[in-house]
Amino acid sequence: MSEKAEIKYLFEPRGIAVIGASENPGKIGYRIVENIVSSGYKGEIYPVNPKGGEALGIRIHRDLSEVEGHPDIAVIAIPARFVLDAVKECGKNGVKHLVIVTSGFSEIGKRAEERALVEAACRYGMRILGPNIFGIYSAKASLDATFGPGGILPGHVAIITQSGALGIAMIGKTAAESLGLSAVVSVGNKSDIDESDLLEYLADDPNTT
């Protein structure tokens, strides 16, 4: 088992892969790439989909092994049956954190399948946020890696939510009230990273007051 990656890379990634990126604006993978781009993220963005193509003018790599460099985090938004293979591929390519949007694991009784994800990630020292989440927002990195409504204002309040529906509603409410956020984190099934991990980081975050 490798040493676990530091939580800070979840909030301050130098590069991000989106596994399940899509050219189709109706797909979650497209929406995530769109939010990353529109939020002003300055790091490298690596959309990945076996079909290839482009998303918002960015090349979609057919496989993570095609990516030059090592993204610190990978957002995974693909059918549940493919997620374990994606986790292993991320480990082989030096990813530190996995943001698993995909549902269909312990929340519907598939606990063994979820444990397999955690075990595979641990072998490579990766941490998992999720599965069954809407993503993560970090003002520090100008990164909105969610499929939420976008338009999050930077500020000094952090939100941690288990419920995706509640989290997305809170994004909309805070934007309507002009309330700025330092972070929004969806924890979902909490297979690995949970509130205590996040609070430990945020307690020392100067952007969160």
Foldseek 3Di string as FASTA:
>chain_A
DDAADAPVCQQAKQEEEEEPADQDPVDLNLLLVVQQVVLPFPHHYAYEDLVWDDRPNHTHHNAPVPDDDQTQEYEYDDELVCVLVVLLSNLVRHHREYEAAYDDDVVVPNPVSLVSSVVSNVVSNHFYQDYNAQGKDAPVRSGDRGSAPHPAAAAAAEAEEQDRVVLSVVSVVCNVVVHHYRMYGHRHPVSDDDPVSVCVVSVPDPRHD
